[in-house]
Every structure is written in C-alpha cells, then in structure tokens.
Amino acid sequence: AVAAALLVGVLVATQLGGDDDTPAPVSTIGAAPA
C-alpha cells in the first residue's frame, strides 16, 4: 500500500509539477485559458 501511494505521488508530481519545458496535461473544461 505504501509503495502504491508513493507511485501515485510520483506520477502526480511529474504530471502536475516540475519546472521542465514539457507542459503537463491539463483539463480545459471550465478552466481559464492556459
């Protein structure tokens, strides 16, 4: 369970965070223009 939680945390951090030049996938439904 801990390993699964860490894996989910890493996936979330790499998809939503970071300072690289690759944009993270973002839902545009009801959101301001990116």
PDB file of all heavy atoms in Angstrom:
ATOM      1  N   ALA A   1       0.833  -1.211   0.000  1.00  0.00           N
ATOM      2  CA  ALA A   1       0.000   0.000   0.000  1.00  0.00           C
ATOM      3  C   ALA A   1       0.864   1.256   0.000  1.00  0.00           C
ATOM      4  O   ALA A   1       0.581   2.229  -0.705  1.00  0.00           O
ATOM      5  CB  ALA A   1      -0.938  -0.004   1.205  1.00  0.00           C
ATOM      6  N   VAL A   2       1.937   1.263   0.783  1.00  0.00           N
ATOM      7  CA  VAL A   2       2.842   2.411   0.824  1.00  0.00           C
ATOM      8  C   VAL A   2       3.510   2.609  -0.536  1.00  0.00           C
ATOM      9  O   VAL A   2       3.614   3.725  -1.044  1.00  0.00           O
ATOM     10  CB  VAL A   2       3.887   2.248   1.954  1.00  0.00           C
ATOM     11  CG1 VAL A   2       4.991   3.283   1.851  1.00  0.00           C
ATOM     12  CG2 VAL A   2       3.213   2.334   3.314  1.00  0.00           C
ATOM     13  N   ALA A   3       3.956   1.516  -1.145  1.00  0.00           N
ATOM     14  CA  ALA A   3       4.589   1.604  -2.464  1.00  0.00           C
ATOM     15  C   ALA A   3       3.608   2.158  -3.499  1.00  0.00           C
ATOM     16  O   ALA A   3       3.972   2.997  -4.331  1.00  0.00           O
ATOM     17  CB  ALA A   3       5.109   0.232  -2.891  1.00  0.00           C
ATOM     18  N   ALA A   4       2.367   1.717  -3.455  1.00  0.00           N
ATOM     19  CA  ALA A   4       1.360   2.219  -4.390  1.00  0.00           C
ATOM     20  C   ALA A   4       1.112   3.704  -4.169  1.00  0.00           C
ATOM     21  O   ALA A   4       1.002   4.480  -5.127  1.00  0.00           O
ATOM     22  CB  ALA A   4       0.061   1.432  -4.246  1.00  0.00           C
ATOM     23  N   ALA A   5       1.046   4.130  -2.909  1.00  0.00           N
ATOM     24  CA  ALA A   5       0.837   5.550  -2.607  1.00  0.00           C
ATOM     25  C   ALA A   5       2.013   6.384  -3.101  1.00  0.00           C
ATOM     26  O   ALA A   5       1.826   7.475  -3.650  1.00  0.00           O
ATOM     27  CB  ALA A   5       0.629   5.743  -1.111  1.00  0.00           C
ATOM     28  N   LEU A   6       3.229   5.890  -2.917  1.00  0.00           N
ATOM     29  CA  LEU A   6       4.403   6.614  -3.411  1.00  0.00           C
ATOM     30  C   LEU A   6       4.387   6.712  -4.933  1.00  0.00           C
ATOM     31  O   LEU A   6       4.717   7.760  -5.492  1.00  0.00           O
ATOM     32  CB  LEU A   6       5.689   5.925  -2.946  1.00  0.00           C
ATOM     33  CG  LEU A   6       6.041   6.113  -1.474  1.00  0.00           C
ATOM     34  CD1 LEU A   6       7.230   5.237  -1.100  1.00  0.00           C
ATOM     35  CD2 LEU A   6       6.331   7.561  -1.169  1.00  0.00           C
ATOM     36  N   LEU A   7       4.011   5.652  -5.592  1.00  0.00           N
ATOM     37  CA  LEU A   7       3.939   5.660  -7.054  1.00  0.00           C
ATOM     38  C   LEU A   7       2.921   6.679  -7.531  1.00  0.00           C
ATOM     39  O   LEU A   7       3.197   7.455  -8.447  1.00  0.00           O
ATOM     40  CB  LEU A   7       3.579   4.261  -7.574  1.00  0.00           C
ATOM     41  CG  LEU A   7       3.449   4.137  -9.101  1.00  0.00           C
ATOM     42  CD1 LEU A   7       4.762   4.481  -9.767  1.00  0.00           C
ATOM     43  CD2 LEU A   7       3.004   2.736  -9.470  1.00  0.00           C
ATOM     44  N   VAL A   8       1.765   6.726  -6.908  1.00  0.00           N
ATOM     45  CA  VAL A   8       0.746   7.712  -7.267  1.00  0.00           C
ATOM     46  C   VAL A   8       1.288   9.125  -7.034  1.00  0.00           C
ATOM     47  O   VAL A   8       1.127  10.018  -7.855  1.00  0.00           O
ATOM     48  CB  VAL A   8      -0.564   7.480  -6.475  1.00  0.00           C
ATOM     49  CG1 VAL A   8      -1.509   8.654  -6.621  1.00  0.00           C
ATOM     50  CG2 VAL A   8      -1.233   6.202  -6.949  1.00  0.00           C
ATOM     51  N   GLY A   9       1.971   9.340  -5.902  1.00  0.00           N
ATOM     52  CA  GLY A   9       2.547  10.653  -5.601  1.00  0.00           C
ATOM     53  C   GLY A   9       3.564  11.076  -6.639  1.00  0.00           C
ATOM     54  O   GLY A   9       3.575  12.226  -7.090  1.00  0.00           O
ATOM     55  N   VAL A  10       4.421  10.159  -7.058  1.00  0.00           N
ATOM     56  CA  VAL A  10       5.421  10.475  -8.085  1.00  0.00           C
ATOM     57  C   VAL A  10       4.740  10.796  -9.410  1.00  0.00           C
ATOM     58  O   VAL A  10       5.105  11.754 -10.093  1.00  0.00           O
ATOM     59  CB  VAL A  10       6.421   9.309  -8.240  1.00  0.00           C
ATOM     60  CG1 VAL A  10       7.277   9.468  -9.476  1.00  0.00           C
ATOM     61  CG2 VAL A  10       7.299   9.201  -7.000  1.00  0.00           C
ATOM     62  N   LEU A  11       3.743  10.017  -9.773  1.00  0.00           N
ATOM     63  CA  LEU A  11       3.032  10.282 -11.028  1.00  0.00           C
ATOM     64  C   LEU A  11       2.345  11.640 -11.002  1.00  0.00           C
ATOM     65  O   LEU A  11       2.400  12.393 -11.970  1.00  0.00           O
ATOM     66  CB  LEU A  11       2.010   9.178 -11.305  1.00  0.00           C
ATOM     67  CG  LEU A  11       2.585   7.828 -11.723  1.00  0.00           C
ATOM     68  CD1 LEU A  11       1.479   6.782 -11.809  1.00  0.00           C
ATOM     69  CD2 LEU A  11       3.309   7.942 -13.041  1.00  0.00           C
ATOM     70  N   VAL A  12       1.710  11.978  -9.895  1.00  0.00           N
ATOM     71  CA  VAL A  12       1.046  13.274  -9.784  1.00  0.00           C
ATOM     72  C   VAL A  12       2.074  14.392  -9.862  1.00  0.00           C
ATOM     73  O   VAL A  12       1.904  15.375 -10.576  1.00  0.00           O
ATOM     74  CB  VAL A  12       0.221  13.363  -8.470  1.00  0.00           C
ATOM     75  CG1 VAL A  12      -0.213  14.783  -8.196  1.00  0.00           C
ATOM     76  CG2 VAL A  12      -0.988  12.450  -8.565  1.00  0.00           C
ATOM     77  N   ALA A  13       3.188  14.251  -9.147  1.00  0.00           N
ATOM     78  CA  ALA A  13       4.216  15.294  -9.137  1.00  0.00           C
ATOM     79  C   ALA A  13       4.824  15.490 -10.512  1.00  0.00           C
ATOM     80  O   ALA A  13       5.066  16.622 -10.935  1.00  0.00           O
ATOM     81  CB  ALA A  13       5.307  14.942  -8.123  1.00  0.00           C
ATOM     82  N   THR A  14       5.040  14.415 -11.245  1.00  0.00           N
ATOM     83  CA  THR A  14       5.652  14.569 -12.567  1.00  0.00           C
ATOM     84  C   THR A  14       4.670  15.093 -13.590  1.00  0.00           C
ATOM     85  O   THR A  14       5.066  15.737 -14.543  1.00  0.00           O
ATOM     86  CB  THR A  14       6.250  13.234 -13.069  1.00  0.00           C
ATOM     87  OG1 THR A  14       5.217  12.248 -13.112  1.00  0.00           O
ATOM     88  CG2 THR A  14       7.392  12.783 -12.194  1.00  0.00           C
ATOM     89  N   GLN A  15       3.392  14.853 -13.399  1.00  0.00           N
ATOM     90  CA  GLN A  15       2.405  15.332 -14.358  1.00  0.00           C
ATOM     91  C   GLN A  15       1.952  16.748 -14.070  1.00  0.00           C
ATOM     92  O   GLN A  15       1.646  17.498 -14.973  1.00  0.00           O
ATOM     93  CB  GLN A  15       1.183  14.410 -14.384  1.00  0.00           C
ATOM     94  CG  GLN A  15       1.479  13.040 -14.935  1.00  0.00           C
ATOM     95  CD  GLN A  15       1.998  13.101 -16.352  1.00  0.00           C
ATOM     96  OE1 GLN A  15       1.425  13.740 -17.207  1.00  0.00           O
ATOM     97  NE2 GLN A  15       3.119  12.448 -16.605  1.00  0.00           N
ATOM     98  N   LEU A  16       1.899  17.162 -12.813  1.00  0.00           N
ATOM     99  CA  LEU A  16       1.376  18.474 -12.461  1.00  0.00           C
ATOM    100  C   LEU A  16       2.444  19.454 -12.038  1.00  0.00           C
ATOM    101  O   LEU A  16       2.237  20.655 -12.103  1.00  0.00           O
ATOM    102  CB  LEU A  16       0.351  18.354 -11.326  1.00  0.00           C
ATOM    103  CG  LEU A  16      -0.885  17.541 -11.653  1.00  0.00           C
ATOM    104  CD1 LEU A  16      -1.784  17.465 -10.433  1.00  0.00           C
ATOM    105  CD2 LEU A  16      -1.632  18.140 -12.812  1.00  0.00           C
ATOM    106  N   GLY A  17       3.545  18.985 -11.577  1.00  0.00           N
ATOM    107  CA  GLY A  17       4.565  19.892 -11.062  1.00  0.00           C
ATOM    108  C   GLY A  17       5.788  19.884 -11.933  1.00  0.00           C
ATOM    109  O   GLY A  17       5.775  19.440 -13.065  1.00  0.00           O
ATOM    110  N   GLY A  18       6.851  20.422 -11.405  1.00  0.00           N
ATOM    111  CA  GLY A  18       8.108  20.426 -12.116  1.00  0.00           C
ATOM    112  C   GLY A  18       8.317  21.709 -12.879  1.00  0.00           C
ATOM    113  O   GLY A  18       7.382  22.437 -13.174  1.00  0.00           O
ATOM    114  N   ASP A  19       9.580  21.940 -13.194  1.00  0.00           N
ATOM    115  CA  ASP A  19       9.936  23.162 -13.907  1.00  0.00           C
ATOM    116  C   ASP A  19      10.453  22.868 -15.295  1.00  0.00           C
ATOM    117  O   ASP A  19      11.133  23.687 -15.888  1.00  0.00           O
ATOM    118  CB  ASP A  19      11.016  23.921 -13.111  1.00  0.00           C
ATOM    119  CG  ASP A  19      10.460  24.460 -11.812  1.00  0.00           C
ATOM    120  OD1 ASP A  19       9.292  24.851 -11.780  1.00  0.00           O
ATOM    121  OD2 ASP A  19      11.222  24.494 -10.852  1.00  0.00           O
ATOM    122  N   ASP A  20      10.143  21.682 -15.821  1.00  0.00           N
ATOM    123  CA  ASP A  20      10.650  21.389 -17.148  1.00  0.00           C
ATOM    124  C   ASP A  20       9.826  22.124 -18.197  1.00  0.00           C
ATOM    125  O   ASP A  20       8.849  22.782 -17.900  1.00  0.00           O
ATOM    126  CB  ASP A  20      10.637  19.876 -17.403  1.00  0.00           C
ATOM    127  CG  ASP A  20       9.236  19.297 -17.406  1.00  0.00           C
ATOM    128  OD1 ASP A  20       8.282  19.999 -17.047  1.00  0.00           O
ATOM    129  OD2 ASP A  20       9.102  18.126 -17.768  1.00  0.00           O
ATOM    130  N   ASP A  21      10.254  22.016 -19.438  1.00  0.00           N
ATOM    131  CA  ASP A  21       9.590  22.734 -20.515  1.00  0.00           C
ATOM    132  C   ASP A  21       8.402  21.983 -21.091  1.00  0.00           C
ATOM    133  O   ASP A  21       7.703  22.498 -21.945  1.00  0.00           O
ATOM    134  CB  ASP A  21      10.584  23.011 -21.652  1.00  0.00           C
ATOM    135  CG  ASP A  21      11.637  24.021 -21.227  1.00  0.00           C
ATOM    136  OD1 ASP A  21      11.361  24.793 -20.292  1.00  0.00           O
ATOM    137  OD2 ASP A  21      12.713  24.025 -21.829  1.00  0.00           O
ATOM    138  N   THR A  22       8.166  20.758 -20.626  1.00  0.00           N
ATOM    139  CA  THR A  22       7.065  19.972 -21.145  1.00  0.00           C
ATOM    140  C   THR A  22       5.806  20.290 -20.365  1.00  0.00           C
ATOM    141  O   THR A  22       5.763  20.114 -19.165  1.00  0.00           O
ATOM    142  CB  THR A  22       7.378  18.467 -21.016  1.00  0.00           C
ATOM    143  OG1 THR A  22       8.636  18.209 -21.617  1.00  0.00           O
ATOM    144  CG2 THR A  22       6.288  17.639 -21.655  1.00  0.00           C
ATOM    145  N   PRO A  23       4.765  20.789 -21.045  1.00  0.00           N
ATOM    146  CA  PRO A  23       3.539  21.107 -20.308  1.00  0.00           C
ATOM    147  C   PRO A  23       2.850  19.851 -19.823  1.00  0.00           C
ATOM    148  O   PRO A  23       2.826  18.841 -20.512  1.00  0.00           O
ATOM    149  CB  PRO A  23       2.678  21.840 -21.335  1.00  0.00           C
ATOM    150  CG  PRO A  23       3.196  21.398 -22.667  1.00  0.00           C
ATOM    151  CD  PRO A  23       4.663  21.068 -22.463  1.00  0.00           C
ATOM    152  N   ALA A  24       2.320  19.921 -18.616  1.00  0.00           N
ATOM    153  CA  ALA A  24       1.559  18.804 -18.065  1.00  0.00           C
ATOM    154  C   ALA A  24       0.184  18.788 -18.699  1.00  0.00           C
ATOM    155  O   ALA A  24      -0.363  19.836 -19.043  1.00  0.00           O
ATOM    156  CB  ALA A  24       1.437  18.951 -16.560  1.00  0.00           C
ATOM    157  N   PRO A  25      -0.399  17.609 -18.869  1.00  0.00           N
ATOM    158  CA  PRO A  25      -1.746  17.578 -19.408  1.00  0.00           C
ATOM    159  C   PRO A  25      -2.703  18.234 -18.417  1.00  0.00           C
ATOM    160  O   PRO A  25      -2.683  17.923 -17.243  1.00  0.00           O
ATOM    161  CB  PRO A  25      -2.037  16.088 -19.578  1.00  0.00           C
ATOM    162  CG  PRO A  25      -0.999  15.368 -18.801  1.00  0.00           C
ATOM    163  CD  PRO A  25       0.142  16.310 -18.594  1.00  0.00           C
ATOM    164  N   VAL A  26      -3.500  19.144 -18.908  1.00  0.00           N
ATOM    165  CA  VAL A  26      -4.418  19.881 -18.050  1.00  0.00           C
ATOM    166  C   VAL A  26      -5.795  19.853 -18.690  1.00  0.00           C
ATOM    167  O   VAL A  26      -5.926  20.079 -19.884  1.00  0.00           O
ATOM    168  CB  VAL A  26      -3.961  21.345 -17.888  1.00  0.00           C
ATOM    169  CG1 VAL A  26      -4.948  22.134 -17.068  1.00  0.00           C
ATOM    170  CG2 VAL A  26      -2.591  21.406 -17.259  1.00  0.00           C
ATOM    171  N   SER A  27      -6.798  19.568 -17.895  1.00  0.00           N
ATOM    172  CA  SER A  27      -8.156  19.615 -18.399  1.00  0.00           C
ATOM    173  C   SER A  27      -8.546  21.061 -18.630  1.00  0.00           C
ATOM    174  O   SER A  27      -8.286  21.923 -17.817  1.00  0.00           O
ATOM    175  CB  SER A  27      -9.108  18.984 -17.387  1.00  0.00           C
ATOM    176  OG  SER A  27     -10.441  19.202 -17.786  1.00  0.00           O
ATOM    177  N   THR A  28      -9.175  21.335 -19.756  1.00  0.00           N
ATOM    178  CA  THR A  28      -9.582  22.706 -20.050  1.00  0.00           C
ATOM    179  C   THR A  28     -11.076  22.891 -19.862  1.00  0.00           C
ATOM    180  O   THR A  28     -11.599  23.950 -20.168  1.00  0.00           O
ATOM    181  CB  THR A  28      -9.207  23.072 -21.499  1.00  0.00           C
ATOM    182  OG1 THR A  28      -9.818  22.136 -22.379  1.00  0.00           O
ATOM    183  CG2 THR A  28      -7.696  23.067 -21.684  1.00  0.00           C
ATOM    184  N   ILE A  29     -11.739  21.902 -19.343  1.00  0.00           N
ATOM    185  CA  ILE A  29     -13.179  22.008 -19.135  1.00  0.00           C
ATOM    186  C   ILE A  29     -13.435  22.973 -17.994  1.00  0.00           C
ATOM    187  O   ILE A  29     -13.040  22.737 -16.866  1.00  0.00           O
ATOM    188  CB  ILE A  29     -13.799  20.632 -18.829  1.00  0.00           C
ATOM    189  CG1 ILE A  29     -13.568  19.691 -20.003  1.00  0.00           C
ATOM    190  CG2 ILE A  29     -15.274  20.770 -18.498  1.00  0.00           C
ATOM    191  CD1 ILE A  29     -13.970  18.279 -19.732  1.00  0.00           C
ATOM    192  N   GLY A  30     -14.048  24.085 -18.280  1.00  0.00           N
ATOM    193  CA  GLY A  30     -14.402  25.073 -17.272  1.00  0.00           C
ATOM    194  C   GLY A  30     -13.220  25.832 -16.697  1.00  0.00           C
ATOM    195  O   GLY A  30     -13.348  26.504 -15.699  1.00  0.00           O
ATOM    196  N   ALA A  31     -12.053  25.742 -17.325  1.00  0.00           N
ATOM    197  CA  ALA A  31     -10.872  26.423 -16.796  1.00  0.00           C
ATOM    198  C   ALA A  31     -10.542  27.642 -17.632  1.00  0.00           C
ATOM    199  O   ALA A  31     -10.979  27.778 -18.773  1.00  0.00           O
ATOM    200  CB  ALA A  31      -9.677  25.469 -16.802  1.00  0.00           C
ATOM    201  N   ALA A  32      -9.740  28.522 -17.041  1.00  0.00           N
ATOM    202  CA  ALA A  32      -9.253  29.690 -17.769  1.00  0.00           C
ATOM    203  C   ALA A  32      -8.300  29.208 -18.854  1.00  0.00           C
ATOM    204  O   ALA A  32      -7.704  28.144 -18.737  1.00  0.00           O
ATOM    205  CB  ALA A  32      -8.527  30.627 -16.817  1.00  0.00           C
ATOM    206  N   PRO A  33      -8.137  29.972 -19.911  1.00  0.00           N
ATOM    207  CA  PRO A  33      -7.214  29.555 -20.956  1.00  0.00           C
ATOM    208  C   PRO A  33      -5.808  29.404 -20.389  1.00  0.00           C
ATOM    209  O   PRO A  33      -5.378  30.222 -19.585  1.00  0.00           O
ATOM    210  CB  PRO A  33      -7.277  30.686 -21.978  1.00  0.00           C
ATOM    211  CG  PRO A  33      -8.244  31.686 -21.478  1.00  0.00           C
ATOM    212  CD  PRO A  33      -8.767  31.238 -20.162  1.00  0.00           C
ATOM    213  N   ALA A  34      -5.114  28.357 -20.818  1.00  0.00           N
ATOM    214  CA  ALA A  34      -3.755  28.131 -20.345  1.00  0.00           C
ATOM    215  C   ALA A  34      -2.814  29.106 -21.028  1.00  0.00           C
ATOM    216  O   ALA A  34      -3.051  29.525 -22.163  1.00  0.00           O
ATOM    217  CB  ALA A  34      -3.334  26.692 -20.660  1.00  0.00           C
TER     218      ALA A  34
END
